[in-house]
Amino acid sequence: GGSVLPSYGYLIIDEAHHLEGVATDQLGFAAGLGTSTEFLDRLADESGARPTGFLASLQVALRMGQTLAATHHSLLEGAATVATGLTAARQKVGTLFGLLGDFLRRNGEGNGEYGQRLRLTKGMRRSPDWSDIDIDWDDVRLFLKDARQHLERMRGALESLADFELEDYDELLAESAALVFTAEELEHHGTAVLSNEDGEWVAWLSANGQRDRDDVLLCSAPIEVGPMLQRD
């Protein structure tokens, strides 16, 4: 579906014995604290000498350009709403991965020094230790959902300004679309790993041996890639 290959009647795949493993990797999902923090920083990062990220770039472009008043207000309002929730989101994300790291160390298989894995089953998600993770993830999920909805509206507003020669317009439009996609991916796959039980997918926590929250990954992959490849 990505238009990498032209239309074809037959497809010959060299080294096809690797296809299943490669497809599993490509169709699977893995995200950790770094992935989540990177998304938040792409929205807005005020840790440096000057603010960076999409929201800061958008505000600069709007301040320097001429736009429709209603659209201008809509974009600033959306940016302010997303920015308001960022500090709390950073704290919740940090807490979430700290809880996941503790849970993995208590319940995971393998030597903690060399890495651990823990498959997440319905029974595992019902354990008493999981309740705090569930609560914290719900807060993160709601932020991702709200941010995605605001970003979608902001992208629509930006599209209406195509003829206004806004500074860095193409970059802002592309980044708004990319952020919508990332927010949706994190929300969807995070929910699939932490909340849902899907018989066609396997979900697990993974760590490579470092004893801190930065090391924990949320992972999922299809159990059978054949039907997905045939369908796609």
Protein backbone atom coordinates (compact mmCIF):
# COMPACT_ATOMS: atom_id res chain seq x y z
CA GLY A 1 0.00 0.00 0.00
CA GLY A 2 3.00 2.33 0.20
CA SER A 3 3.50 2.40 -3.60
CA VAL A 4 7.03 1.05 -3.27
CA LEU A 5 6.25 -1.70 -5.77
CA PRO A 6 4.49 -1.15 -9.10
CA SER A 7 1.43 -3.18 -10.01
CA TYR A 8 2.27 -6.81 -10.70
CA GLY A 9 0.64 -10.13 -11.51
CA TYR A 10 3.36 -12.29 -9.96
CA LEU A 11 6.02 -11.40 -7.42
CA ILE A 12 9.27 -13.35 -7.03
CA ILE A 13 10.97 -12.81 -3.65
CA ASP A 14 14.65 -13.63 -3.29
CA GLU A 15 15.75 -15.04 0.08
CA ALA A 16 12.09 -15.73 0.79
CA HIS A 17 12.91 -17.86 3.83
CA HIS A 18 13.58 -14.55 5.64
CA LEU A 19 10.23 -13.07 4.62
CA GLU A 20 8.25 -14.20 7.65
CA GLY A 21 10.77 -12.81 10.13
CA VAL A 22 11.17 -9.51 8.28
CA ALA A 23 7.39 -9.13 7.94
CA THR A 24 6.91 -9.81 11.65
CA ASP A 25 9.45 -7.13 12.51
CA GLN A 26 7.92 -4.61 10.11
CA LEU A 27 4.32 -5.26 11.13
CA GLY A 28 5.16 -5.38 14.82
CA PHE A 29 5.49 -2.51 17.27
CA ALA A 30 8.03 -1.50 19.90
CA ALA A 31 8.11 1.72 21.90
CA GLY A 32 9.79 2.85 25.08
CA LEU A 33 10.28 5.98 27.13
CA GLY A 34 12.60 7.41 24.48
CA THR A 35 10.01 6.99 21.72
CA SER A 36 7.32 8.63 23.84
CA THR A 37 9.56 11.49 24.96
CA GLU A 38 10.67 12.12 21.38
CA PHE A 39 7.02 12.54 20.37
CA LEU A 40 6.43 15.04 23.19
CA ASP A 41 9.61 16.94 22.27
CA ARG A 42 8.49 17.13 18.65
CA LEU A 43 5.33 18.80 19.91
CA ALA A 44 7.22 21.25 22.14
CA ASP A 45 10.56 21.28 23.92
CA GLU A 46 11.40 24.17 26.23
CA SER A 47 14.50 22.62 27.80
CA GLY A 48 16.95 24.60 25.65
CA ALA A 49 17.75 28.28 25.25
CA ARG A 50 14.65 28.74 23.11
CA PRO A 51 11.50 26.67 22.59
CA THR A 52 11.57 24.20 19.72
CA GLY A 53 9.09 21.77 18.20
CA PHE A 54 5.98 22.01 16.09
CA LEU A 55 3.99 24.27 18.41
CA ALA A 56 6.82 26.80 18.73
CA SER A 57 7.44 26.82 14.95
CA LEU A 58 3.73 27.28 14.30
CA GLN A 59 3.50 30.25 16.66
CA VAL A 60 6.49 31.93 15.02
CA ALA A 61 5.02 31.42 11.54
CA LEU A 62 1.65 32.80 12.58
CA ARG A 63 3.25 35.81 14.25
CA MET A 64 5.21 36.68 11.11
CA GLY A 65 2.59 35.85 8.50
CA GLN A 66 -0.79 37.13 7.39
CA THR A 67 -3.67 34.68 7.82
CA LEU A 68 -7.42 34.52 8.13
CA ALA A 69 -8.38 35.79 11.59
CA ALA A 70 -10.62 32.83 12.42
CA THR A 71 -8.04 30.29 11.26
CA HIS A 72 -5.28 32.15 13.11
CA HIS A 73 -7.30 31.98 16.33
CA SER A 74 -8.16 28.32 15.81
CA LEU A 75 -4.50 27.36 15.35
CA LEU A 76 -3.32 29.32 18.39
CA GLU A 77 -6.12 27.89 20.50
CA GLY A 78 -5.25 24.34 19.45
CA ALA A 79 -1.54 24.91 20.12
CA ALA A 80 -2.26 26.32 23.58
CA THR A 81 -4.54 23.41 24.48
CA VAL A 82 -1.97 20.79 23.49
CA ALA A 83 0.84 22.68 25.26
CA THR A 84 -1.17 22.88 28.47
CA GLY A 85 -1.20 19.12 28.88
CA LEU A 86 2.47 18.51 28.02
CA THR A 87 4.00 18.87 31.48
CA ALA A 88 1.55 16.44 33.04
CA ALA A 89 1.98 14.07 30.09
CA ARG A 90 5.76 13.98 30.59
CA GLN A 91 5.31 13.14 34.25
CA LYS A 92 2.74 10.43 33.51
CA VAL A 93 4.89 8.86 30.80
CA GLY A 94 7.88 8.77 33.15
CA THR A 95 5.81 7.22 35.92
CA LEU A 96 4.29 4.67 33.53
CA PHE A 97 7.64 3.33 32.35
CA GLY A 98 8.93 3.28 35.91
CA LEU A 99 5.97 1.08 36.91
CA LEU A 100 6.46 -1.13 33.87
CA GLY A 101 10.14 -1.57 34.72
CA ASP A 102 9.28 -2.61 38.28
CA PHE A 103 6.61 -5.01 37.04
CA LEU A 104 9.00 -6.59 34.54
CA ARG A 105 11.73 -7.06 37.12
CA ARG A 106 9.31 -8.76 39.51
CA ASN A 107 7.63 -11.01 36.97
CA GLY A 108 9.86 -11.32 33.92
CA GLU A 109 11.81 -14.28 32.64
CA GLY A 110 15.55 -14.16 32.26
CA ASN A 111 18.44 -12.68 34.17
CA GLY A 112 17.89 -9.00 34.87
CA GLU A 113 21.57 -8.31 34.15
CA TYR A 114 21.33 -9.60 30.59
CA GLY A 115 17.74 -8.76 29.77
CA GLN A 116 14.22 -9.84 30.59
CA ARG A 117 11.00 -10.56 28.75
CA LEU A 118 7.46 -10.94 29.97
CA ARG A 119 4.53 -11.99 27.81
CA LEU A 120 1.41 -10.04 28.76
CA THR A 121 -1.64 -12.25 29.10
CA LYS A 122 -5.15 -11.55 30.30
CA GLY A 123 -4.27 -13.08 33.68
CA MET A 124 -1.13 -10.96 33.96
CA ARG A 125 -3.13 -7.78 33.35
CA ARG A 126 -5.52 -8.76 36.16
CA SER A 127 -2.80 -9.02 38.78
CA PRO A 128 -2.95 -6.48 41.65
CA ASP A 129 0.39 -4.96 40.59
CA TRP A 130 -1.09 -4.05 37.21
CA SER A 131 -3.81 -1.69 38.48
CA ASP A 132 -1.49 1.35 38.85
CA ILE A 133 -0.14 0.73 35.33
CA ASP A 134 -3.70 0.62 34.01
CA ILE A 135 -4.59 3.93 35.67
CA ASP A 136 -1.44 5.67 34.49
CA TRP A 137 -1.76 4.37 30.94
CA ASP A 138 -5.34 5.63 30.79
CA ASP A 139 -4.11 9.16 31.56
CA VAL A 140 -1.40 8.90 28.88
CA ARG A 141 -3.89 7.44 26.39
CA LEU A 142 -6.33 10.31 26.95
CA PHE A 143 -3.56 12.85 26.36
CA LEU A 144 -2.58 11.10 23.11
CA LYS A 145 -6.21 10.99 21.98
CA ASP A 146 -6.82 14.67 22.77
CA ALA A 147 -3.51 15.72 21.19
CA ARG A 148 -4.31 13.74 18.04
CA GLN A 149 -7.75 15.31 17.72
CA HIS A 150 -6.39 18.84 18.16
CA LEU A 151 -3.55 18.14 15.71
CA GLU A 152 -6.02 16.84 13.14
CA ARG A 153 -8.03 20.06 13.42
CA MET A 154 -4.85 22.13 13.23
CA ARG A 155 -3.75 20.26 10.12
CA GLY A 156 -7.11 21.02 8.53
CA ALA A 157 -6.75 24.68 9.44
CA LEU A 158 -3.24 24.76 7.96
CA GLU A 159 -4.49 23.22 4.73
CA SER A 160 -6.87 26.19 4.35
CA LEU A 161 -3.85 28.56 4.41
CA ALA A 162 -2.14 27.11 1.33
CA ASP A 163 -2.33 30.45 -0.53
CA PHE A 164 -1.12 32.68 2.32
CA GLU A 165 2.63 32.09 1.93
CA LEU A 166 3.07 31.16 5.58
CA GLU A 167 6.75 30.71 6.55
CA ASP A 168 7.80 27.03 6.56
CA TYR A 169 4.28 26.13 5.48
CA ASP A 170 5.16 22.80 3.82
CA GLU A 171 7.25 21.70 6.81
CA LEU A 172 4.50 22.62 9.27
CA LEU A 173 1.88 20.77 7.25
CA ALA A 174 4.06 17.67 6.92
CA GLU A 175 4.98 17.67 10.61
CA SER A 176 1.34 18.05 11.68
CA ALA A 177 0.46 14.99 9.60
CA ALA A 178 3.43 13.03 11.01
CA LEU A 179 2.50 13.92 14.59
CA VAL A 180 -1.10 12.83 14.03
CA PHE A 181 0.18 9.49 12.73
CA THR A 182 2.59 9.01 15.65
CA ALA A 183 -0.02 9.91 18.26
CA GLU A 184 -2.43 7.43 16.70
CA GLU A 185 0.24 4.71 16.58
CA LEU A 186 1.23 5.20 20.22
CA GLU A 187 -2.38 5.29 21.36
CA HIS A 188 -3.47 2.26 19.31
CA HIS A 189 -0.49 0.01 19.94
CA GLY A 190 -0.08 1.10 23.54
CA THR A 191 -3.68 0.10 24.20
CA ALA A 192 -3.15 -3.18 22.35
CA VAL A 193 -0.13 -4.03 24.53
CA LEU A 194 -1.35 -2.77 27.89
CA SER A 195 -5.12 -3.21 27.80
CA ASN A 196 -6.43 -5.54 25.10
CA GLU A 197 -6.25 -9.27 24.52
CA ASP A 198 -6.09 -9.99 20.78
CA GLY A 199 -5.82 -13.63 19.76
CA GLU A 200 -4.00 -12.69 16.54
CA TRP A 201 -1.24 -10.71 18.27
CA VAL A 202 1.24 -11.39 21.06
CA ALA A 203 2.23 -8.60 23.46
CA TRP A 204 5.19 -8.44 25.81
CA LEU A 205 7.52 -6.23 27.84
CA SER A 206 11.21 -6.33 27.09
CA ALA A 207 14.38 -4.92 28.67
CA ASN A 208 17.99 -5.40 27.63
CA GLY A 209 19.42 -5.44 31.12
CA GLN A 210 19.66 -1.82 32.21
CA ARG A 211 17.88 -1.33 35.51
CA ASP A 212 15.93 1.81 34.74
CA ARG A 213 12.71 2.87 33.08
CA ASP A 214 14.52 4.04 29.93
CA ASP A 215 15.19 0.43 29.02
CA VAL A 216 11.64 -1.01 29.03
CA LEU A 217 9.94 -1.55 25.68
CA LEU A 218 6.28 -2.20 24.94
CA CYS A 219 6.22 -4.78 22.15
CA SER A 220 3.63 -6.52 20.01
CA ALA A 221 3.73 -8.62 16.85
CA PRO A 222 1.28 -10.65 14.78
CA ILE A 223 1.33 -14.38 15.55
CA GLU A 224 0.75 -15.28 11.89
CA VAL A 225 1.88 -12.87 9.18
CA GLY A 226 0.75 -15.02 6.23
CA PRO A 227 -2.90 -13.87 6.20
CA MET A 228 -1.82 -10.23 6.63
CA LEU A 229 0.62 -10.43 3.72
CA GLN A 230 -1.97 -12.11 1.53
CA ARG A 231 -4.56 -9.46 2.39
CA ASP A 232 -2.20 -6.53 1.88
